[in-house]
N, C-alpha and C. Protein backbone atom coordinates (compact mmCIF):
# COMPACT_ATOMS: atom_id res chain seq x y z
N UNK A 1 -10.18 -6.11 17.14
CA UNK A 1 -8.89 -6.41 17.50
C UNK A 1 -8.15 -5.16 17.06
N UNK A 2 -7.08 -4.91 17.79
CA UNK A 2 -6.15 -3.71 17.46
C UNK A 2 -5.13 -4.40 16.48
N UNK A 3 -5.00 -3.54 15.45
CA UNK A 3 -3.75 -3.93 14.43
C UNK A 3 -2.54 -3.13 14.77
N UNK A 4 -1.59 -3.68 15.32
CA UNK A 4 -0.35 -2.87 15.81
C UNK A 4 0.41 -2.60 14.55
N UNK A 5 0.42 -3.68 13.49
CA UNK A 5 1.23 -3.62 12.36
C UNK A 5 0.19 -4.09 11.25
N UNK A 6 -0.02 -3.03 10.46
CA UNK A 6 -1.09 -3.45 9.25
C UNK A 6 -0.41 -4.07 8.06
N UNK A 7 0.97 -4.13 8.02
CA UNK A 7 1.70 -4.55 6.99
C UNK A 7 1.42 -6.25 6.85
N UNK A 8 1.31 -7.14 7.84
CA UNK A 8 1.13 -8.55 7.62
C UNK A 8 -0.27 -8.66 6.95
N UNK A 9 -1.30 -7.97 7.23
CA UNK A 9 -2.58 -8.17 6.64
C UNK A 9 -2.62 -7.68 5.28
N UNK A 10 -2.04 -6.67 5.04
CA UNK A 10 -1.86 -6.18 3.46
C UNK A 10 -1.18 -7.20 2.72
N UNK A 11 -0.23 -7.78 3.23
CA UNK A 11 0.59 -8.75 2.50
C UNK A 11 -0.30 -10.20 2.43
N UNK A 12 -1.07 -10.40 3.48
CA UNK A 12 -1.99 -11.56 3.28
C UNK A 12 -3.25 -11.30 2.38
N UNK A 13 -3.66 -10.18 2.29
CA UNK A 13 -4.79 -9.66 1.41
C UNK A 13 -4.11 -9.83 -0.05
N UNK A 14 -2.98 -9.18 -0.27
CA UNK A 14 -2.40 -9.40 -1.58
C UNK A 14 -2.22 -10.76 -2.10
N UNK A 15 -1.93 -11.70 -1.15
CA UNK A 15 -1.54 -13.01 -1.57
C UNK A 15 -3.00 -13.64 -2.07
N UNK A 16 -4.01 -13.43 -1.17
CA UNK A 16 -5.22 -13.81 -1.66
C UNK A 16 -5.80 -13.50 -3.00
N UNK A 17 -5.54 -12.13 -3.29
CA UNK A 17 -5.78 -11.82 -4.73
C UNK A 17 -5.09 -12.51 -5.67
N UNK A 18 -3.87 -12.65 -5.75
CA UNK A 18 -2.97 -13.19 -6.49
C UNK A 18 -3.38 -14.78 -6.63
N UNK A 19 -3.60 -15.36 -5.48
CA UNK A 19 -4.08 -16.79 -5.45
C UNK A 19 -5.38 -17.11 -6.22
N UNK A 20 -6.39 -16.03 -5.80
CA UNK A 20 -7.74 -16.31 -6.72
C UNK A 20 -7.47 -16.04 -8.29
N UNK A 21 -6.59 -15.02 -8.60
CA UNK A 21 -6.25 -14.84 -9.90
C UNK A 21 -5.39 -15.83 -10.58
N UNK A 22 -4.89 -16.84 -9.98
CA UNK A 22 -3.86 -18.00 -10.37
C UNK A 22 -2.87 -17.39 -10.76
N UNK A 23 -2.28 -15.96 -10.37
CA UNK A 23 -1.16 -15.28 -10.81
C UNK A 23 0.08 -15.65 -10.02
N UNK A 24 0.77 -16.63 -10.66
CA UNK A 24 1.87 -17.45 -9.82
C UNK A 24 3.03 -16.40 -9.63
N UNK A 25 3.36 -15.51 -10.55
CA UNK A 25 4.45 -14.52 -10.27
C UNK A 25 4.16 -13.61 -9.11
N UNK A 26 2.88 -13.05 -9.13
CA UNK A 26 2.68 -12.12 -8.08
C UNK A 26 2.48 -12.79 -6.82
N UNK A 27 1.93 -14.03 -6.87
CA UNK A 27 1.78 -14.66 -5.50
C UNK A 27 3.21 -15.00 -5.01
N UNK A 28 4.04 -15.49 -5.73
CA UNK A 28 5.53 -15.80 -5.17
C UNK A 28 6.31 -14.71 -4.93
N UNK A 29 6.11 -13.49 -5.47
CA UNK A 29 6.78 -12.34 -5.08
C UNK A 29 6.61 -12.02 -3.63
N UNK A 30 5.42 -12.27 -3.10
CA UNK A 30 5.15 -11.93 -1.64
C UNK A 30 5.82 -12.88 -0.63
N UNK A 31 6.57 -13.76 -1.06
CA UNK A 31 7.35 -14.68 -0.20
C UNK A 31 8.78 -14.45 -0.14
N UNK A 32 9.45 -14.66 0.93
CA UNK A 32 10.64 -14.65 1.18
C UNK A 32 11.36 -15.83 0.46
N UNK A 33 12.72 -15.59 -0.17
CA UNK A 33 13.35 -16.75 -0.90
C UNK A 33 13.40 -17.86 -0.06
N UNK A 34 13.54 -17.91 1.27
CA UNK A 34 13.63 -19.24 2.22
C UNK A 34 12.34 -19.40 3.03
N UNK A 35 11.24 -18.99 2.55
CA UNK A 35 9.91 -19.08 3.11
C UNK A 35 9.66 -20.67 3.25
N UNK A 36 8.84 -20.89 4.11
CA UNK A 36 8.24 -22.27 4.52
C UNK A 36 6.65 -22.40 4.66
N UNK A 37 6.34 -23.46 4.22
CA UNK A 37 4.82 -23.72 4.50
C UNK A 37 4.81 -25.08 5.34
N UNK A 38 4.13 -24.80 6.39
CA UNK A 38 4.16 -25.82 7.55
C UNK A 38 2.83 -26.19 7.94
N UNK A 39 2.59 -27.52 8.08
CA UNK A 39 1.48 -28.02 8.73
C UNK A 39 1.30 -28.18 10.17
N UNK A 40 0.36 -27.72 10.82
CA UNK A 40 0.13 -27.80 12.30
C UNK A 40 -0.93 -29.00 12.58
N UNK A 41 -0.80 -29.60 13.40
CA UNK A 41 0.24 -29.63 14.72
C UNK A 41 1.44 -30.28 14.44
N UNK A 42 1.56 -31.12 13.39
CA UNK A 42 2.61 -31.82 13.12
C UNK A 42 3.88 -31.20 12.92
N UNK A 43 3.98 -29.95 12.40
CA UNK A 43 5.13 -29.14 12.43
C UNK A 43 5.81 -29.64 11.00
N UNK A 44 5.21 -30.54 10.27
CA UNK A 44 5.71 -31.02 9.01
C UNK A 44 5.93 -29.70 7.92
N UNK A 45 7.08 -29.60 7.57
CA UNK A 45 7.29 -28.55 6.57
C UNK A 45 7.20 -29.26 5.13
N UNK A 46 6.23 -28.69 4.27
CA UNK A 46 5.84 -29.49 3.03
C UNK A 46 6.42 -28.64 1.82
N UNK A 47 6.98 -27.46 1.96
CA UNK A 47 7.49 -26.72 0.90
C UNK A 47 8.44 -25.91 1.66
N UNK A 48 9.76 -25.87 1.40
CA UNK A 48 10.94 -25.01 1.90
C UNK A 48 11.63 -24.32 0.63
N UNK A 49 11.48 -23.00 0.78
CA UNK A 49 12.12 -22.13 -0.28
C UNK A 49 11.25 -21.89 -1.26
N UNK A 50 11.41 -20.72 -2.06
CA UNK A 50 10.62 -20.23 -2.97
C UNK A 50 10.47 -21.29 -4.36
N UNK A 51 11.46 -21.88 -4.54
CA UNK A 51 11.34 -22.96 -5.67
C UNK A 51 10.30 -23.97 -5.36
N UNK A 52 10.37 -24.57 -4.23
CA UNK A 52 9.31 -25.49 -3.81
C UNK A 52 7.78 -24.80 -3.60
N UNK A 53 7.82 -23.72 -3.24
CA UNK A 53 6.64 -23.03 -2.99
C UNK A 53 6.01 -22.83 -4.36
N UNK A 54 6.92 -22.31 -5.33
CA UNK A 54 6.41 -22.13 -6.77
C UNK A 54 5.76 -23.31 -7.19
N UNK A 55 6.64 -24.27 -7.09
CA UNK A 55 6.05 -25.85 -7.67
C UNK A 55 4.84 -26.26 -7.20
N UNK A 56 4.53 -26.10 -5.87
CA UNK A 56 3.38 -26.54 -5.03
C UNK A 56 2.21 -25.78 -5.68
N UNK A 57 2.33 -24.32 -5.82
CA UNK A 57 1.32 -23.62 -6.21
C UNK A 57 1.01 -23.49 -7.73
N UNK A 58 2.10 -23.94 -8.60
CA UNK A 58 1.83 -23.96 -9.89
C UNK A 58 0.92 -25.05 -10.25
N UNK A 59 1.13 -26.29 -9.39
CA UNK A 59 0.22 -27.35 -9.73
C UNK A 59 -1.20 -26.93 -9.10
N UNK A 60 -1.35 -26.46 -8.08
CA UNK A 60 -2.67 -25.87 -7.52
C UNK A 60 -3.40 -25.01 -8.53
N UNK A 61 -2.60 -24.02 -9.16
CA UNK A 61 -3.09 -22.87 -9.93
C UNK A 61 -3.51 -23.70 -11.33
N UNK A 62 -3.30 -24.86 -11.64
CA UNK A 62 -3.73 -25.64 -12.67
C UNK A 62 -5.01 -26.05 -12.82
N UNK A 63 -5.61 -26.02 -11.61
CA UNK A 63 -7.24 -26.25 -11.46
C UNK A 63 -7.97 -24.94 -11.65
N UNK A 64 -8.63 -24.86 -12.82
CA UNK A 64 -9.22 -23.43 -13.11
C UNK A 64 -10.34 -23.13 -12.13
N UNK A 65 -10.95 -24.09 -11.39
CA UNK A 65 -12.01 -23.73 -10.50
C UNK A 65 -11.39 -23.22 -9.18
N UNK A 66 -10.24 -23.33 -8.94
CA UNK A 66 -9.49 -23.10 -7.51
C UNK A 66 -9.89 -21.68 -7.14
N UNK A 67 -10.45 -21.41 -5.94
CA UNK A 67 -10.35 -20.15 -5.40
C UNK A 67 -10.56 -20.31 -3.68
N UNK A 68 -10.23 -19.28 -3.15
CA UNK A 68 -10.26 -19.35 -1.53
C UNK A 68 -11.11 -18.11 -1.26
N UNK A 69 -12.05 -18.56 -0.21
CA UNK A 69 -12.85 -17.63 0.48
C UNK A 69 -12.51 -17.59 1.89
N UNK A 70 -12.23 -16.18 2.34
CA UNK A 70 -11.75 -15.95 3.62
C UNK A 70 -12.99 -15.69 4.44
N UNK A 71 -13.18 -16.25 5.68
CA UNK A 71 -14.51 -15.86 6.29
C UNK A 71 -14.21 -15.13 7.72
N UNK A 72 -12.94 -15.21 8.12
CA UNK A 72 -12.62 -14.49 9.36
C UNK A 72 -11.27 -14.11 9.24
N UNK A 73 -10.91 -13.01 9.71
CA UNK A 73 -9.33 -12.63 9.76
C UNK A 73 -9.13 -12.04 11.25
N UNK A 74 -7.74 -12.15 11.57
CA UNK A 74 -7.24 -11.86 12.97
C UNK A 74 -5.92 -11.33 12.60
N UNK A 75 -5.34 -10.34 13.35
CA UNK A 75 -4.08 -9.95 13.12
C UNK A 75 -3.61 -9.63 14.43
N UNK A 76 -2.22 -9.96 14.77
CA UNK A 76 -1.53 -9.81 16.03
C UNK A 76 0.04 -9.63 15.61
N UNK A 77 0.69 -8.45 15.90
CA UNK A 77 2.09 -8.42 15.63
C UNK A 77 2.56 -8.51 14.17
N UNK A 78 3.35 -9.48 14.01
CA UNK A 78 3.81 -9.80 12.54
C UNK A 78 3.02 -11.12 11.80
N UNK A 79 1.76 -11.27 12.52
CA UNK A 79 0.88 -12.46 12.07
C UNK A 79 -0.41 -12.06 11.43
N UNK A 80 -0.66 -12.48 10.26
CA UNK A 80 -2.06 -12.30 9.70
C UNK A 80 -2.66 -13.75 9.74
N UNK A 81 -3.98 -13.84 10.38
CA UNK A 81 -4.59 -15.02 10.57
C UNK A 81 -5.83 -15.10 9.86
N UNK A 82 -6.07 -16.13 9.03
CA UNK A 82 -7.32 -16.32 8.14
C UNK A 82 -7.94 -17.62 8.37
N UNK A 83 -9.28 -17.59 8.71
CA UNK A 83 -10.16 -18.76 8.49
C UNK A 83 -10.68 -18.81 7.19
N UNK A 84 -10.55 -19.90 6.41
CA UNK A 84 -10.86 -19.91 5.08
C UNK A 84 -11.30 -21.15 4.39
N UNK A 85 -12.06 -21.22 3.36
CA UNK A 85 -12.32 -22.35 2.55
C UNK A 85 -11.73 -22.27 1.30
N UNK A 86 -10.99 -23.39 0.66
CA UNK A 86 -10.53 -23.56 -0.44
C UNK A 86 -11.29 -24.55 -1.38
N UNK A 87 -11.75 -24.06 -2.56
CA UNK A 87 -12.78 -24.57 -3.50
C UNK A 87 -11.99 -24.92 -4.73
N UNK A 88 -12.54 -26.07 -5.36
CA UNK A 88 -11.95 -26.30 -6.70
C UNK A 88 -10.88 -27.16 -6.80
N UNK A 89 -10.39 -27.78 -5.88
CA UNK A 89 -9.40 -28.96 -5.92
C UNK A 89 -10.25 -30.10 -6.04
N UNK A 90 -9.49 -31.25 -6.40
CA UNK A 90 -10.06 -32.49 -6.59
C UNK A 90 -10.45 -33.04 -5.08
N UNK A 91 -11.50 -33.55 -4.90
CA UNK A 91 -12.02 -34.10 -3.56
C UNK A 91 -12.92 -32.96 -2.80
N UNK A 92 -12.95 -33.01 -1.59
CA UNK A 92 -13.94 -32.06 -0.89
C UNK A 92 -13.05 -30.60 -0.71
N UNK A 93 -13.83 -29.78 -0.35
CA UNK A 93 -13.43 -28.49 -0.19
C UNK A 93 -12.48 -28.46 1.23
N UNK A 94 -11.59 -27.59 1.21
CA UNK A 94 -10.57 -27.58 2.36
C UNK A 94 -10.94 -26.68 3.19
N UNK A 95 -11.33 -26.84 4.40
CA UNK A 95 -11.46 -25.83 5.59
C UNK A 95 -10.02 -25.89 6.26
N UNK A 96 -9.64 -24.60 6.76
CA UNK A 96 -8.41 -24.47 7.11
C UNK A 96 -8.30 -22.96 7.81
N UNK A 97 -7.29 -23.05 8.62
CA UNK A 97 -6.70 -21.58 9.30
C UNK A 97 -5.24 -21.48 8.64
N UNK A 98 -5.00 -20.35 8.19
CA UNK A 98 -3.76 -19.95 7.55
C UNK A 98 -3.03 -19.13 8.23
N UNK A 99 -2.01 -19.14 8.84
CA UNK A 99 -1.23 -18.02 9.66
C UNK A 99 -0.02 -17.57 8.92
N UNK A 100 -0.15 -16.47 8.69
CA UNK A 100 1.03 -15.95 7.96
C UNK A 100 2.06 -15.10 8.62
N UNK A 101 3.20 -15.45 8.72
CA UNK A 101 4.15 -14.59 9.37
C UNK A 101 5.05 -13.62 8.43
N UNK A 102 4.85 -12.39 8.54
CA UNK A 102 5.53 -11.47 7.57
C UNK A 102 6.58 -10.78 8.20
N UNK A 103 7.69 -10.71 7.61
CA UNK A 103 8.92 -9.92 8.15
C UNK A 103 9.44 -9.20 6.84
N UNK A 104 9.64 -8.03 7.13
CA UNK A 104 10.07 -7.09 6.10
C UNK A 104 9.49 -7.06 4.78
N UNK A 105 8.01 -7.06 4.91
CA UNK A 105 7.25 -7.06 3.89
C UNK A 105 7.08 -8.40 2.90
N UNK A 106 7.62 -9.57 3.54
CA UNK A 106 7.66 -10.62 2.84
C UNK A 106 7.05 -11.87 3.82
N UNK A 107 6.43 -12.75 3.23
CA UNK A 107 5.88 -13.97 3.99
C UNK A 107 7.06 -14.93 4.29
N UNK A 108 7.38 -15.06 5.47
CA UNK A 108 8.39 -15.97 5.71
C UNK A 108 8.04 -17.43 6.25
N UNK A 109 6.92 -17.48 6.71
CA UNK A 109 6.20 -18.73 7.12
C UNK A 109 4.79 -18.79 7.08
N UNK A 110 4.24 -19.79 6.48
CA UNK A 110 2.78 -19.92 6.71
C UNK A 110 2.42 -21.20 7.36
N UNK A 111 1.70 -21.34 8.30
CA UNK A 111 1.14 -22.32 9.19
C UNK A 111 -0.09 -22.61 8.68
N UNK A 112 -0.40 -24.01 8.58
CA UNK A 112 -1.90 -24.35 8.06
C UNK A 112 -2.23 -25.38 8.99
N UNK A 113 -3.52 -25.01 9.43
CA UNK A 113 -4.17 -26.07 10.12
C UNK A 113 -5.42 -26.53 9.40
N UNK A 114 -5.74 -27.78 8.99
CA UNK A 114 -6.62 -28.20 8.19
C UNK A 114 -7.58 -29.12 8.89
N UNK A 115 -8.91 -28.95 8.59
CA UNK A 115 -9.85 -29.68 9.15
C UNK A 115 -9.93 -31.13 8.54
């Protein structure tokens, strides 16, 4: 697939590194102040703004075994798309697709499709 804009992939890759390192400051630095985390297909916004995003991931990062493995990537325009598995949370592993919308070098929205 042709990458017209390499910036979204670079930002998605950086957030994955920060996520797997449980580095909350580096992770949150990649998000716009008014970013949103949105579930698909319901379009439910479960975190709005960097404060809610920070709180959501602070809880996640408290699980020492937490890590994410990306199996497949795709990029188009301002979107970086990852097929991933999240390990280390209570319960089963999470199979998901994450769609990162990046504007001006910041993640403005993440859409999640979960199995």
